[in-house]
């Protein structure tokens, strides 16, 4: 770590982290990255142990932050699809780097 007299601006980091902070947000982004468009039920199935309440909350936050888009079709039963927004797609190189790092550093017994 470098010690300098220059003040450290934590705001960019704090903002970026606020967009992905949450137990399931990065998982949601991972699945949307690989499948491009997923319906609510498909997301829930891929995520496994997430509750309906938590998934709904995380999806609403990601949508409000402009990271994902939600498309609702006017039909019965309701059909809703989620995908990455343009802003969300700009985060995918970061996610790809995390996946590469994980692959390179994952214990062999994992």
PDB file of N, CA and C in Angstrom:
ATOM      1  N   UNK A   1       0.842  -1.169   0.000  1.00  0.00           N
ATOM      2  CA  UNK A   1       0.000   0.000   0.000  1.00  0.00           C
ATOM      3  C   UNK A   1       0.891   1.236   0.000  1.00  0.00           C
ATOM      4  N   UNK A   2       0.486   2.185  -0.811  1.00  0.00           N
ATOM      5  CA  UNK A   2       1.281   3.394  -0.945  1.00  0.00           C
ATOM      6  C   UNK A   2       0.813   4.440   0.060  1.00  0.00           C
ATOM      7  N   UNK A   3       1.752   5.070   0.729  1.00  0.00           N
ATOM      8  CA  UNK A   3       1.454   6.102   1.704  1.00  0.00           C
ATOM      9  C   UNK A   3       1.716   7.446   1.043  1.00  0.00           C
ATOM     10  N   UNK A   4       0.670   8.279   0.896  1.00  0.00           N
ATOM     11  CA  UNK A   4       0.873   9.573   0.257  1.00  0.00           C
ATOM     12  C   UNK A   4       0.125  10.653   1.022  1.00  0.00           C
ATOM     13  N   UNK A   5       0.508  11.866   0.763  1.00  0.00           N
ATOM     14  CA  UNK A   5      -0.129  13.016   1.402  1.00  0.00           C
ATOM     15  C   UNK A   5      -1.428  13.400   0.692  1.00  0.00           C
ATOM     16  N   UNK A   6      -1.601  12.921  -0.508  1.00  0.00           N
ATOM     17  CA  UNK A   6      -2.768  13.240  -1.312  1.00  0.00           C
ATOM     18  C   UNK A   6      -4.012  12.557  -0.719  1.00  0.00           C
ATOM     19  N   UNK A   7      -5.119  13.288  -0.546  1.00  0.00           N
ATOM     20  CA  UNK A   7      -6.317  12.653   0.010  1.00  0.00           C
ATOM     21  C   UNK A   7      -6.865  11.576  -0.934  1.00  0.00           C
ATOM     22  N   UNK A   8      -7.413  10.567  -0.334  1.00  0.00           N
ATOM     23  CA  UNK A   8      -7.968   9.463  -1.109  1.00  0.00           C
ATOM     24  C   UNK A   8      -9.460   9.727  -1.327  1.00  0.00           C
ATOM     25  N   UNK A   9      -9.874   9.684  -2.589  1.00  0.00           N
ATOM     26  CA  UNK A   9     -11.277   9.889  -2.939  1.00  0.00           C
ATOM     27  C   UNK A   9     -11.974   8.532  -2.983  1.00  0.00           C
ATOM     28  N   UNK A  10     -12.739   8.241  -1.961  1.00  0.00           N
ATOM     29  CA  UNK A  10     -13.422   6.947  -1.883  1.00  0.00           C
ATOM     30  C   UNK A  10     -14.772   6.953  -2.597  1.00  0.00           C
ATOM     31  N   UNK A  11     -15.255   8.116  -3.006  1.00  0.00           N
ATOM     32  CA  UNK A  11     -16.591   8.226  -3.592  1.00  0.00           C
ATOM     33  C   UNK A  11     -16.812   7.342  -4.822  1.00  0.00           C
ATOM     34  N   UNK A  12     -15.889   7.289  -5.786  1.00  0.00           N
ATOM     35  CA  UNK A  12     -16.129   6.406  -6.937  1.00  0.00           C
ATOM     36  C   UNK A  12     -16.269   4.936  -6.529  1.00  0.00           C
ATOM     37  N   UNK A  13     -15.410   4.497  -5.617  1.00  0.00           N
ATOM     38  CA  UNK A  13     -15.500   3.115  -5.136  1.00  0.00           C
ATOM     39  C   UNK A  13     -16.817   2.885  -4.401  1.00  0.00           C
ATOM     40  N   UNK A  14     -17.177   3.796  -3.518  1.00  0.00           N
ATOM     41  CA  UNK A  14     -18.406   3.659  -2.735  1.00  0.00           C
ATOM     42  C   UNK A  14     -19.631   3.620  -3.644  1.00  0.00           C
ATOM     43  N   UNK A  15     -19.629   4.459  -4.672  1.00  0.00           N
ATOM     44  CA  UNK A  15     -20.762   4.464  -5.606  1.00  0.00           C
ATOM     45  C   UNK A  15     -20.838   3.135  -6.348  1.00  0.00           C
ATOM     46  N   UNK A  16     -19.720   2.690  -6.916  1.00  0.00           N
ATOM     47  CA  UNK A  16     -19.713   1.437  -7.668  1.00  0.00           C
ATOM     48  C   UNK A  16     -20.142   0.269  -6.788  1.00  0.00           C
ATOM     49  N   UNK A  17     -19.612   0.240  -5.577  1.00  0.00           N
ATOM     50  CA  UNK A  17     -19.947  -0.865  -4.682  1.00  0.00           C
ATOM     51  C   UNK A  17     -21.416  -0.822  -4.265  1.00  0.00           C
ATOM     52  N   UNK A  18     -21.976   0.373  -4.129  1.00  0.00           N
ATOM     53  CA  UNK A  18     -23.386   0.489  -3.740  1.00  0.00           C
ATOM     54  C   UNK A  18     -24.310  -0.140  -4.787  1.00  0.00           C
ATOM     55  N   UNK A  19     -23.870  -0.159  -6.036  1.00  0.00           N
ATOM     56  CA  UNK A  19     -24.684  -0.740  -7.103  1.00  0.00           C
ATOM     57  C   UNK A  19     -24.714  -2.264  -7.064  1.00  0.00           C
ATOM     58  N   UNK A  20     -23.663  -2.865  -6.525  1.00  0.00           N
ATOM     59  CA  UNK A  20     -23.588  -4.334  -6.508  1.00  0.00           C
ATOM     60  C   UNK A  20     -23.651  -4.907  -5.104  1.00  0.00           C
ATOM     61  N   UNK A  21     -23.781  -4.035  -4.111  1.00  0.00           N
ATOM     62  CA  UNK A  21     -23.849  -4.483  -2.724  1.00  0.00           C
ATOM     63  C   UNK A  21     -25.176  -5.189  -2.498  1.00  0.00           C
ATOM     64  N   UNK A  22     -25.119  -6.363  -2.001  1.00  0.00           N
ATOM     65  CA  UNK A  22     -26.314  -7.180  -1.765  1.00  0.00           C
ATOM     66  C   UNK A  22     -25.929  -8.620  -2.048  1.00  0.00           C
ATOM     67  N   UNK A  23     -26.482  -9.509  -1.280  1.00  0.00           N
ATOM     68  CA  UNK A  23     -26.089 -10.919  -1.364  1.00  0.00           C
ATOM     69  C   UNK A  23     -26.280 -11.518  -2.755  1.00  0.00           C
ATOM     70  N   UNK A  24     -27.294 -11.086  -3.487  1.00  0.00           N
ATOM     71  CA  UNK A  24     -27.647 -11.750  -4.732  1.00  0.00           C
ATOM     72  C   UNK A  24     -27.382 -10.938  -5.993  1.00  0.00           C
ATOM     73  N   UNK A  25     -27.029  -9.678  -5.876  1.00  0.00           N
ATOM     74  CA  UNK A  25     -26.899  -8.832  -7.068  1.00  0.00           C
ATOM     75  C   UNK A  25     -25.843  -9.341  -8.047  1.00  0.00           C
ATOM     76  N   UNK A  26     -24.687  -9.688  -7.560  1.00  0.00           N
ATOM     77  CA  UNK A  26     -23.646 -10.185  -8.469  1.00  0.00           C
ATOM     78  C   UNK A  26     -24.052 -11.514  -9.099  1.00  0.00           C
ATOM     79  N   UNK A  27     -24.777 -12.331  -8.359  1.00  0.00           N
ATOM     80  CA  UNK A  27     -25.270 -13.598  -8.905  1.00  0.00           C
ATOM     81  C   UNK A  27     -26.284 -13.331 -10.017  1.00  0.00           C
ATOM     82  N   UNK A  28     -27.172 -12.381  -9.792  1.00  0.00           N
ATOM     83  CA  UNK A  28     -28.163 -12.009 -10.805  1.00  0.00           C
ATOM     84  C   UNK A  28     -27.451 -11.521 -12.063  1.00  0.00           C
ATOM     85  N   UNK A  29     -26.471 -10.639 -11.886  1.00  0.00           N
ATOM     86  CA  UNK A  29     -25.720 -10.121 -13.029  1.00  0.00           C
ATOM     87  C   UNK A  29     -24.987 -11.236 -13.768  1.00  0.00           C
ATOM     88  N   UNK A  30     -24.441 -12.187 -13.024  1.00  0.00           N
ATOM     89  CA  UNK A  30     -23.743 -13.328 -13.634  1.00  0.00           C
ATOM     90  C   UNK A  30     -24.676 -14.088 -14.572  1.00  0.00           C
ATOM     91  N   UNK A  31     -25.863 -14.415 -14.083  1.00  0.00           N
ATOM     92  CA  UNK A  31     -26.791 -15.196 -14.905  1.00  0.00           C
ATOM     93  C   UNK A  31     -27.302 -14.397 -16.094  1.00  0.00           C
ATOM     94  N   UNK A  32     -27.559 -13.107 -15.918  1.00  0.00           N
ATOM     95  CA  UNK A  32     -28.005 -12.284 -17.046  1.00  0.00           C
ATOM     96  C   UNK A  32     -26.883 -12.100 -18.064  1.00  0.00           C
ATOM     97  N   UNK A  33     -25.659 -12.081 -17.604  1.00  0.00           N
ATOM     98  CA  UNK A  33     -24.497 -11.988 -18.488  1.00  0.00           C
ATOM     99  C   UNK A  33     -24.433 -13.208 -19.396  1.00  0.00           C
ATOM    100  N   UNK A  34     -24.696 -14.384 -18.840  1.00  0.00           N
ATOM    101  CA  UNK A  34     -24.586 -15.620 -19.614  1.00  0.00           C
ATOM    102  C   UNK A  34     -25.813 -15.939 -20.463  1.00  0.00           C
ATOM    103  N   UNK A  35     -26.987 -15.537 -20.015  1.00  0.00           N
ATOM    104  CA  UNK A  35     -28.201 -15.883 -20.759  1.00  0.00           C
ATOM    105  C   UNK A  35     -28.855 -14.698 -21.464  1.00  0.00           C
ATOM    106  N   UNK A  36     -28.365 -13.498 -21.240  1.00  0.00           N
ATOM    107  CA  UNK A  36     -28.840 -12.246 -21.839  1.00  0.00           C
ATOM    108  C   UNK A  36     -30.248 -11.851 -21.403  1.00  0.00           C
ATOM    109  N   UNK A  37     -31.216 -12.751 -21.532  1.00  0.00           N
ATOM    110  CA  UNK A  37     -32.593 -12.459 -21.115  1.00  0.00           C
ATOM    111  C   UNK A  37     -33.103 -13.641 -20.303  1.00  0.00           C
ATOM    112  N   UNK A  38     -33.638 -13.344 -19.114  1.00  0.00           N
ATOM    113  CA  UNK A  38     -34.209 -14.400 -18.272  1.00  0.00           C
ATOM    114  C   UNK A  38     -35.526 -13.928 -17.680  1.00  0.00           C
ATOM    115  N   UNK A  39     -36.454 -14.850 -17.579  1.00  0.00           N
ATOM    116  CA  UNK A  39     -37.705 -14.567 -16.885  1.00  0.00           C
ATOM    117  C   UNK A  39     -37.469 -14.735 -15.389  1.00  0.00           C
ATOM    118  N   UNK A  40     -38.379 -14.178 -14.603  1.00  0.00           N
ATOM    119  CA  UNK A  40     -38.245 -14.209 -13.145  1.00  0.00           C
ATOM    120  C   UNK A  40     -38.022 -15.641 -12.649  1.00  0.00           C
ATOM    121  N   UNK A  41     -38.859 -16.568 -13.090  1.00  0.00           N
ATOM    122  CA  UNK A  41     -38.764 -17.957 -12.642  1.00  0.00           C
ATOM    123  C   UNK A  41     -37.442 -18.608 -13.007  1.00  0.00           C
ATOM    124  N   UNK A  42     -36.905 -18.271 -14.180  1.00  0.00           N
ATOM    125  CA  UNK A  42     -35.619 -18.820 -14.599  1.00  0.00           C
ATOM    126  C   UNK A  42     -34.490 -18.288 -13.708  1.00  0.00           C
ATOM    127  N   UNK A  43     -34.557 -16.996 -13.394  1.00  0.00           N
ATOM    128  CA  UNK A  43     -33.569 -16.414 -12.484  1.00  0.00           C
ATOM    129  C   UNK A  43     -33.622 -17.108 -11.128  1.00  0.00           C
ATOM    130  N   UNK A  44     -34.836 -17.245 -10.594  1.00  0.00           N
ATOM    131  CA  UNK A  44     -35.007 -17.863  -9.273  1.00  0.00           C
ATOM    132  C   UNK A  44     -34.471 -19.291  -9.277  1.00  0.00           C
ATOM    133  N   UNK A  45     -34.741 -20.027 -10.331  1.00  0.00           N
ATOM    134  CA  UNK A  45     -34.263 -21.412 -10.441  1.00  0.00           C
ATOM    135  C   UNK A  45     -32.734 -21.457 -10.474  1.00  0.00           C
ATOM    136  N   UNK A  46     -32.113 -20.581 -11.243  1.00  0.00           N
ATOM    137  CA  UNK A  46     -30.653 -20.558 -11.337  1.00  0.00           C
ATOM    138  C   UNK A  46     -29.990 -20.128 -10.030  1.00  0.00           C
ATOM    139  N   UNK A  47     -30.651 -19.248  -9.284  1.00  0.00           N
ATOM    140  CA  UNK A  47     -30.073 -18.751  -8.038  1.00  0.00           C
ATOM    141  C   UNK A  47     -30.226 -19.735  -6.889  1.00  0.00           C
ATOM    142  N   UNK A  48     -31.198 -20.595  -6.971  1.00  0.00           N
ATOM    143  CA  UNK A  48     -31.355 -21.606  -5.928  1.00  0.00           C
ATOM    144  C   UNK A  48     -32.032 -21.113  -4.669  1.00  0.00           C
ATOM    145  N   UNK A  49     -31.268 -20.859  -3.621  1.00  0.00           N
ATOM    146  CA  UNK A  49     -31.802 -20.619  -2.280  1.00  0.00           C
ATOM    147  C   UNK A  49     -32.372 -19.219  -2.048  1.00  0.00           C
ATOM    148  N   UNK A  50     -32.404 -18.357  -3.023  1.00  0.00           N
ATOM    149  CA  UNK A  50     -32.913 -17.007  -2.816  1.00  0.00           C
ATOM    150  C   UNK A  50     -34.438 -17.041  -2.569  1.00  0.00           C
ATOM    151  N   UNK A  51     -34.891 -16.196  -1.650  1.00  0.00           N
ATOM    152  CA  UNK A  51     -36.332 -16.116  -1.392  1.00  0.00           C
ATOM    153  C   UNK A  51     -36.984 -15.180  -2.407  1.00  0.00           C
ATOM    154  N   UNK A  52     -38.280 -15.314  -2.570  1.00  0.00           N
ATOM    155  CA  UNK A  52     -39.029 -14.452  -3.484  1.00  0.00           C
ATOM    156  C   UNK A  52     -38.871 -12.986  -3.079  1.00  0.00           C
ATOM    157  N   UNK A  53     -38.989 -12.711  -1.783  1.00  0.00           N
ATOM    158  CA  UNK A  53     -38.884 -11.345  -1.274  1.00  0.00           C
ATOM    159  C   UNK A  53     -37.512 -10.741  -1.583  1.00  0.00           C
ATOM    160  N   UNK A  54     -36.448 -11.501  -1.350  1.00  0.00           N
ATOM    161  CA  UNK A  54     -35.094 -11.004  -1.579  1.00  0.00           C
ATOM    162  C   UNK A  54     -34.824 -10.803  -3.069  1.00  0.00           C
ATOM    163  N   UNK A  55     -35.233 -11.767  -3.904  1.00  0.00           N
ATOM    164  CA  UNK A  55     -35.017 -11.635  -5.337  1.00  0.00           C
ATOM    165  C   UNK A  55     -35.752 -10.417  -5.877  1.00  0.00           C
ATOM    166  N   UNK A  56     -36.994 -10.235  -5.476  1.00  0.00           N
ATOM    167  CA  UNK A  56     -37.772  -9.070  -5.922  1.00  0.00           C
ATOM    168  C   UNK A  56     -37.092  -7.769  -5.513  1.00  0.00           C
ATOM    169  N   UNK A  57     -36.627  -7.720  -4.281  1.00  0.00           N
ATOM    170  CA  UNK A  57     -35.957  -6.518  -3.763  1.00  0.00           C
ATOM    171  C   UNK A  57     -34.690  -6.209  -4.551  1.00  0.00           C
ATOM    172  N   UNK A  58     -33.863  -7.221  -4.764  1.00  0.00           N
ATOM    173  CA  UNK A  58     -32.604  -7.023  -5.476  1.00  0.00           C
ATOM    174  C   UNK A  58     -32.841  -6.624  -6.934  1.00  0.00           C
ATOM    175  N   UNK A  59     -33.840  -7.238  -7.579  1.00  0.00           N
ATOM    176  CA  UNK A  59     -34.172  -6.875  -8.957  1.00  0.00           C
ATOM    177  C   UNK A  59     -34.662  -5.434  -9.048  1.00  0.00           C
ATOM    178  N   UNK A  60     -35.498  -5.020  -8.111  1.00  0.00           N
ATOM    179  CA  UNK A  60     -35.993  -3.639  -8.105  1.00  0.00           C
ATOM    180  C   UNK A  60     -34.855  -2.643  -7.920  1.00  0.00           C
ATOM    181  N   UNK A  61     -33.911  -2.963  -7.044  1.00  0.00           N
ATOM    182  CA  UNK A  61     -32.767  -2.071  -6.820  1.00  0.00           C
ATOM    183  C   UNK A  61     -31.880  -1.986  -8.057  1.00  0.00           C
ATOM    184  N   UNK A  62     -31.605  -3.124  -8.681  1.00  0.00           N
ATOM    185  CA  UNK A  62     -30.786  -3.122  -9.896  1.00  0.00           C
ATOM    186  C   UNK A  62     -31.468  -2.345 -11.021  1.00  0.00           C
ATOM    187  N   UNK A  63     -32.780  -2.480 -11.108  1.00  0.00           N
ATOM    188  CA  UNK A  63     -33.538  -1.733 -12.127  1.00  0.00           C
ATOM    189  C   UNK A  63     -33.519  -0.237 -11.820  1.00  0.00           C
ATOM    190  N   UNK A  64     -33.741   0.124 -10.565  1.00  0.00           N
ATOM    191  CA  UNK A  64     -33.738   1.534 -10.163  1.00  0.00           C
ATOM    192  C   UNK A  64     -32.374   2.188 -10.411  1.00  0.00           C
ATOM    193  N   UNK A  65     -31.306   1.423 -10.272  1.00  0.00           N
ATOM    194  CA  UNK A  65     -29.957   1.941 -10.497  1.00  0.00           C
ATOM    195  C   UNK A  65     -29.555   1.916 -11.971  1.00  0.00           C
ATOM    196  N   UNK A  66     -30.433   1.409 -12.825  1.00  0.00           N
ATOM    197  CA  UNK A  66     -30.158   1.397 -14.258  1.00  0.00           C
ATOM    198  C   UNK A  66     -29.216   0.297 -14.708  1.00  0.00           C
ATOM    199  N   UNK A  67     -29.048  -0.742 -13.898  1.00  0.00           N
ATOM    200  CA  UNK A  67     -28.130  -1.838 -14.225  1.00  0.00           C
ATOM    201  C   UNK A  67     -28.827  -2.922 -15.046  1.00  0.00           C
ATOM    202  N   UNK A  68     -30.109  -3.137 -14.788  1.00  0.00           N
ATOM    203  CA  UNK A  68     -30.880  -4.111 -15.566  1.00  0.00           C
ATOM    204  C   UNK A  68     -32.143  -3.434 -16.096  1.00  0.00           C
ATOM    205  N   UNK A  69     -32.739  -4.067 -17.085  1.00  0.00           N
ATOM    206  CA  UNK A  69     -34.022  -3.596 -17.594  1.00  0.00           C
ATOM    207  C   UNK A  69     -35.058  -4.687 -17.357  1.00  0.00           C
ATOM    208  N   UNK A  70     -36.262  -4.240 -17.149  1.00  0.00           N
ATOM    209  CA  UNK A  70     -37.391  -5.137 -16.900  1.00  0.00           C
ATOM    210  C   UNK A  70     -38.417  -4.898 -17.989  1.00  0.00           C
ATOM    211  N   UNK A  71     -38.810  -5.960 -18.663  1.00  0.00           N
ATOM    212  CA  UNK A  71     -39.824  -5.842 -19.711  1.00  0.00           C
ATOM    213  C   UNK A  71     -41.010  -6.707 -19.329  1.00  0.00           C
ATOM    214  N   UNK A  72     -42.159  -6.047 -19.196  1.00  0.00           N
ATOM    215  CA  UNK A  72     -43.386  -6.746 -18.809  1.00  0.00           C
ATOM    216  C   UNK A  72     -44.296  -6.854 -20.018  1.00  0.00           C
ATOM    217  N   UNK A  73     -44.803  -8.054 -20.258  1.00  0.00           N
ATOM    218  CA  UNK A  73     -45.716  -8.295 -21.369  1.00  0.00           C
ATOM    219  C   UNK A  73     -47.145  -8.320 -20.842  1.00  0.00           C
ATOM    220  N   UNK A  74     -48.059  -7.635 -21.521  1.00  0.00           N
ATOM    221  CA  UNK A  74     -49.452  -7.585 -21.062  1.00  0.00           C
ATOM    222  C   UNK A  74     -50.209  -8.863 -21.429  1.00  0.00           C
ATOM    223  N   UNK A  75     -50.067  -9.866 -20.628  1.00  0.00           N
ATOM    224  CA  UNK A  75     -50.740 -11.137 -20.874  1.00  0.00           C
ATOM    225  C   UNK A  75     -51.049 -11.811 -19.549  1.00  0.00           C
ATOM    226  N   UNK A  76     -51.868 -12.859 -19.619  1.00  0.00           N
ATOM    227  CA  UNK A  76     -52.207 -13.647 -18.441  1.00  0.00           C
ATOM    228  C   UNK A  76     -51.789 -15.081 -18.728  1.00  0.00           C
ATOM    229  N   UNK A  77     -50.970 -15.692 -17.872  1.00  0.00           N
ATOM    230  CA  UNK A  77     -50.323 -15.125 -16.692  1.00  0.00           C
ATOM    231  C   UNK A  77     -49.253 -14.102 -17.103  1.00  0.00           C
ATOM    232  N   UNK A  78     -48.897 -13.216 -16.184  1.00  0.00           N
ATOM    233  CA  UNK A  78     -47.922 -12.174 -16.505  1.00  0.00           C
ATOM    234  C   UNK A  78     -46.567 -12.767 -16.918  1.00  0.00           C
ATOM    235  N   UNK A  79     -45.949 -12.112 -17.873  1.00  0.00           N
ATOM    236  CA  UNK A  79     -44.618 -12.528 -18.325  1.00  0.00           C
ATOM    237  C   UNK A  79     -43.695 -11.323 -18.160  1.00  0.00           C
ATOM    238  N   UNK A  80     -42.611 -11.521 -17.409  1.00  0.00           N
ATOM    239  CA  UNK A  80     -41.641 -10.459 -17.168  1.00  0.00           C
ATOM    240  C   UNK A  80     -40.257 -10.999 -17.505  1.00  0.00           C
ATOM    241  N   UNK A  81     -39.507 -10.223 -18.279  1.00  0.00           N
ATOM    242  CA  UNK A  81     -38.149 -10.608 -18.640  1.00  0.00           C
ATOM    243  C   UNK A  81     -37.164  -9.561 -18.142  1.00  0.00           C
ATOM    244  N   UNK A  82     -35.990 -10.038 -17.748  1.00  0.00           N
ATOM    245  CA  UNK A  82     -34.926  -9.161 -17.261  1.00  0.00           C
ATOM    246  C   UNK A  82     -33.706  -9.324 -18.155  1.00  0.00           C
ATOM    247  N   UNK A  83     -33.000  -8.227 -18.363  1.00  0.00           N
ATOM    248  CA  UNK A  83     -31.759  -8.251 -19.126  1.00  0.00           C
ATOM    249  C   UNK A  83     -30.848  -7.137 -18.617  1.00  0.00           C
ATOM    250  N   UNK A  84     -29.594  -7.196 -19.005  1.00  0.00           N
ATOM    251  CA  UNK A  84     -28.659  -6.148 -18.637  1.00  0.00           C
ATOM    252  C   UNK A  84     -28.949  -4.896 -19.458  1.00  0.00           C
ATOM    253  N   UNK A  85     -28.874  -3.746 -18.833  1.00  0.00           N
ATOM    254  CA  UNK A  85     -28.990  -2.485 -19.554  1.00  0.00           C
ATOM    255  C   UNK A  85     -27.636  -2.167 -20.187  1.00  0.00           C
ATOM    256  N   UNK A  86     -27.567  -1.101 -20.952  1.00  0.00           N
ATOM    257  CA  UNK A  86     -26.274  -0.671 -21.509  1.00  0.00           C
ATOM    258  C   UNK A  86     -25.285  -0.399 -20.378  1.00  0.00           C
ATOM    259  N   UNK A  87     -25.757   0.270 -19.331  1.00  0.00           N
ATOM    260  CA  UNK A  87     -24.909   0.561 -18.170  1.00  0.00           C
ATOM    261  C   UNK A  87     -24.453  -0.742 -17.511  1.00  0.00           C
ATOM    262  N   UNK A  88     -25.351  -1.701 -17.382  1.00  0.00           N
ATOM    263  CA  UNK A  88     -25.024  -2.990 -16.782  1.00  0.00           C
ATOM    264  C   UNK A  88     -23.998  -3.756 -17.604  1.00  0.00           C
ATOM    265  N   UNK A  89     -24.116  -3.689 -18.938  1.00  0.00           N
ATOM    266  CA  UNK A  89     -23.151  -4.394 -19.790  1.00  0.00           C
ATOM    267  C   UNK A  89     -21.744  -3.837 -19.629  1.00  0.00           C
ATOM    268  N   UNK A  90     -21.623  -2.554 -19.276  1.00  0.00           N
ATOM    269  CA  UNK A  90     -20.277  -1.995 -19.074  1.00  0.00           C
ATOM    270  C   UNK A  90     -19.594  -2.571 -17.844  1.00  0.00           C
ATOM    271  N   UNK A  91     -20.365  -3.218 -16.962  1.00  0.00           N
ATOM    272  CA  UNK A  91     -19.786  -3.847 -15.771  1.00  0.00           C
ATOM    273  C   UNK A  91     -19.255  -5.257 -16.049  1.00  0.00           C
ATOM    274  N   UNK A  92     -19.587  -5.828 -17.194  1.00  0.00           N
ATOM    275  CA  UNK A  92     -19.244  -7.221 -17.457  1.00  0.00           C
ATOM    276  C   UNK A  92     -17.736  -7.485 -17.552  1.00  0.00           C
ATOM    277  N   UNK A  93     -16.902  -6.563 -18.030  1.00  0.00           N
ATOM    278  CA  UNK A  93     -15.458  -6.834 -17.953  1.00  0.00           C
ATOM    279  C   UNK A  93     -14.977  -7.005 -16.510  1.00  0.00           C
ATOM    280  N   UNK A  94     -15.597  -6.295 -15.574  1.00  0.00           N
ATOM    281  CA  UNK A  94     -15.247  -6.441 -14.159  1.00  0.00           C
ATOM    282  C   UNK A  94     -15.650  -7.831 -13.674  1.00  0.00           C
ATOM    283  N   UNK A  95     -16.859  -8.245 -14.034  1.00  0.00           N
ATOM    284  CA  UNK A  95     -17.348  -9.569 -13.646  1.00  0.00           C
ATOM    285  C   UNK A  95     -16.488 -10.662 -14.285  1.00  0.00           C
ATOM    286  N   UNK A  96     -16.100 -10.453 -15.533  1.00  0.00           N
ATOM    287  CA  UNK A  96     -15.246 -11.425 -16.213  1.00  0.00           C
ATOM    288  C   UNK A  96     -13.890 -11.526 -15.519  1.00  0.00           C
ATOM    289  N   UNK A  97     -13.340 -10.394 -15.090  1.00  0.00           N
ATOM    290  CA  UNK A  97     -12.063 -10.404 -14.352  1.00  0.00           C
ATOM    291  C   UNK A  97     -12.199 -11.151 -13.033  1.00  0.00           C
ATOM    292  N   UNK A  98     -13.311 -10.945 -12.333  1.00  0.00           N
ATOM    293  CA  UNK A  98     -13.552 -11.664 -11.073  1.00  0.00           C
ATOM    294  C   UNK A  98     -13.629 -13.172 -11.315  1.00  0.00           C
ATOM    295  N   UNK A  99     -14.310 -13.565 -12.384  1.00  0.00           N
ATOM    296  CA  UNK A  99     -14.417 -14.994 -12.711  1.00  0.00           C
ATOM    297  C   UNK A  99     -13.040 -15.577 -13.031  1.00  0.00           C
ATOM    298  N   UNK A 100     -12.232 -14.841 -13.786  1.00  0.00           N
ATOM    299  CA  UNK A 100     -10.879 -15.304 -14.122  1.00  0.00           C
ATOM    300  C   UNK A 100     -10.025 -15.431 -12.869  1.00  0.00           C
ATOM    301  N   UNK A 101     -10.112 -14.431 -12.006  1.00  0.00           N
ATOM    302  CA  UNK A 101      -9.356 -14.476 -10.763  1.00  0.00           C
ATOM    303  C   UNK A 101      -9.796 -15.668  -9.920  1.00  0.00           C
ATOM    304  N   UNK A 102     -11.113 -15.869  -9.813  1.00  0.00           N
ATOM    305  CA  UNK A 102     -11.627 -17.009  -9.049  1.00  0.00           C
ATOM    306  C   UNK A 102     -11.151 -18.328  -9.596  1.00  0.00           C
ATOM    307  N   UNK A 103     -11.156 -18.461 -10.918  1.00  0.00           N
ATOM    308  CA  UNK A 103     -10.678 -19.685 -11.541  1.00  0.00           C
ATOM    309  C   UNK A 103      -9.202 -19.937 -11.285  1.00  0.00           C
ATOM    310  N   UNK A 104      -8.418 -18.885 -11.295  1.00  0.00           N
ATOM    311  CA  UNK A 104      -6.978 -19.017 -11.079  1.00  0.00           C
ATOM    312  C   UNK A 104      -6.620 -19.250  -9.619  1.00  0.00           C
ATOM    313  N   UNK A 105      -7.478 -18.846  -8.697  1.00  0.00           N
ATOM    314  CA  UNK A 105      -7.155 -18.928  -7.269  1.00  0.00           C
ATOM    315  C   UNK A 105      -8.029 -19.894  -6.475  1.00  0.00           C
ATOM    316  N   UNK A 106      -8.913 -20.575  -7.137  1.00  0.00           N
ATOM    317  CA  UNK A 106      -9.819 -21.483  -6.452  1.00  0.00           C
ATOM    318  C   UNK A 106      -9.052 -22.716  -5.966  1.00  0.00           C
ATOM    319  N   UNK A 107      -9.289 -23.123  -4.707  1.00  0.00           N
ATOM    320  CA  UNK A 107      -8.622 -24.324  -4.208  1.00  0.00           C
ATOM    321  C   UNK A 107      -9.016 -25.541  -5.046  1.00  0.00           C
ATOM    322  N   UNK A 108      -8.095 -26.461  -5.195  1.00  0.00           N
ATOM    323  CA  UNK A 108      -8.342 -27.645  -6.006  1.00  0.00           C
ATOM    324  C   UNK A 108      -9.487 -28.504  -5.475  1.00  0.00           C
ATOM    325  N   UNK A 109      -9.711 -28.481  -4.148  1.00  0.00           N
ATOM    326  CA  UNK A 109     -10.752 -29.316  -3.554  1.00  0.00           C
ATOM    327  C   UNK A 109     -12.120 -28.635  -3.552  1.00  0.00           C
ATOM    328  N   UNK A 110     -12.258 -27.511  -4.224  1.00  0.00           N
ATOM    329  CA  UNK A 110     -13.528 -26.790  -4.245  1.00  0.00           C
ATOM    330  C   UNK A 110     -14.437 -27.352  -5.294  1.00  0.00           C
TER     331      UNK A 110
END
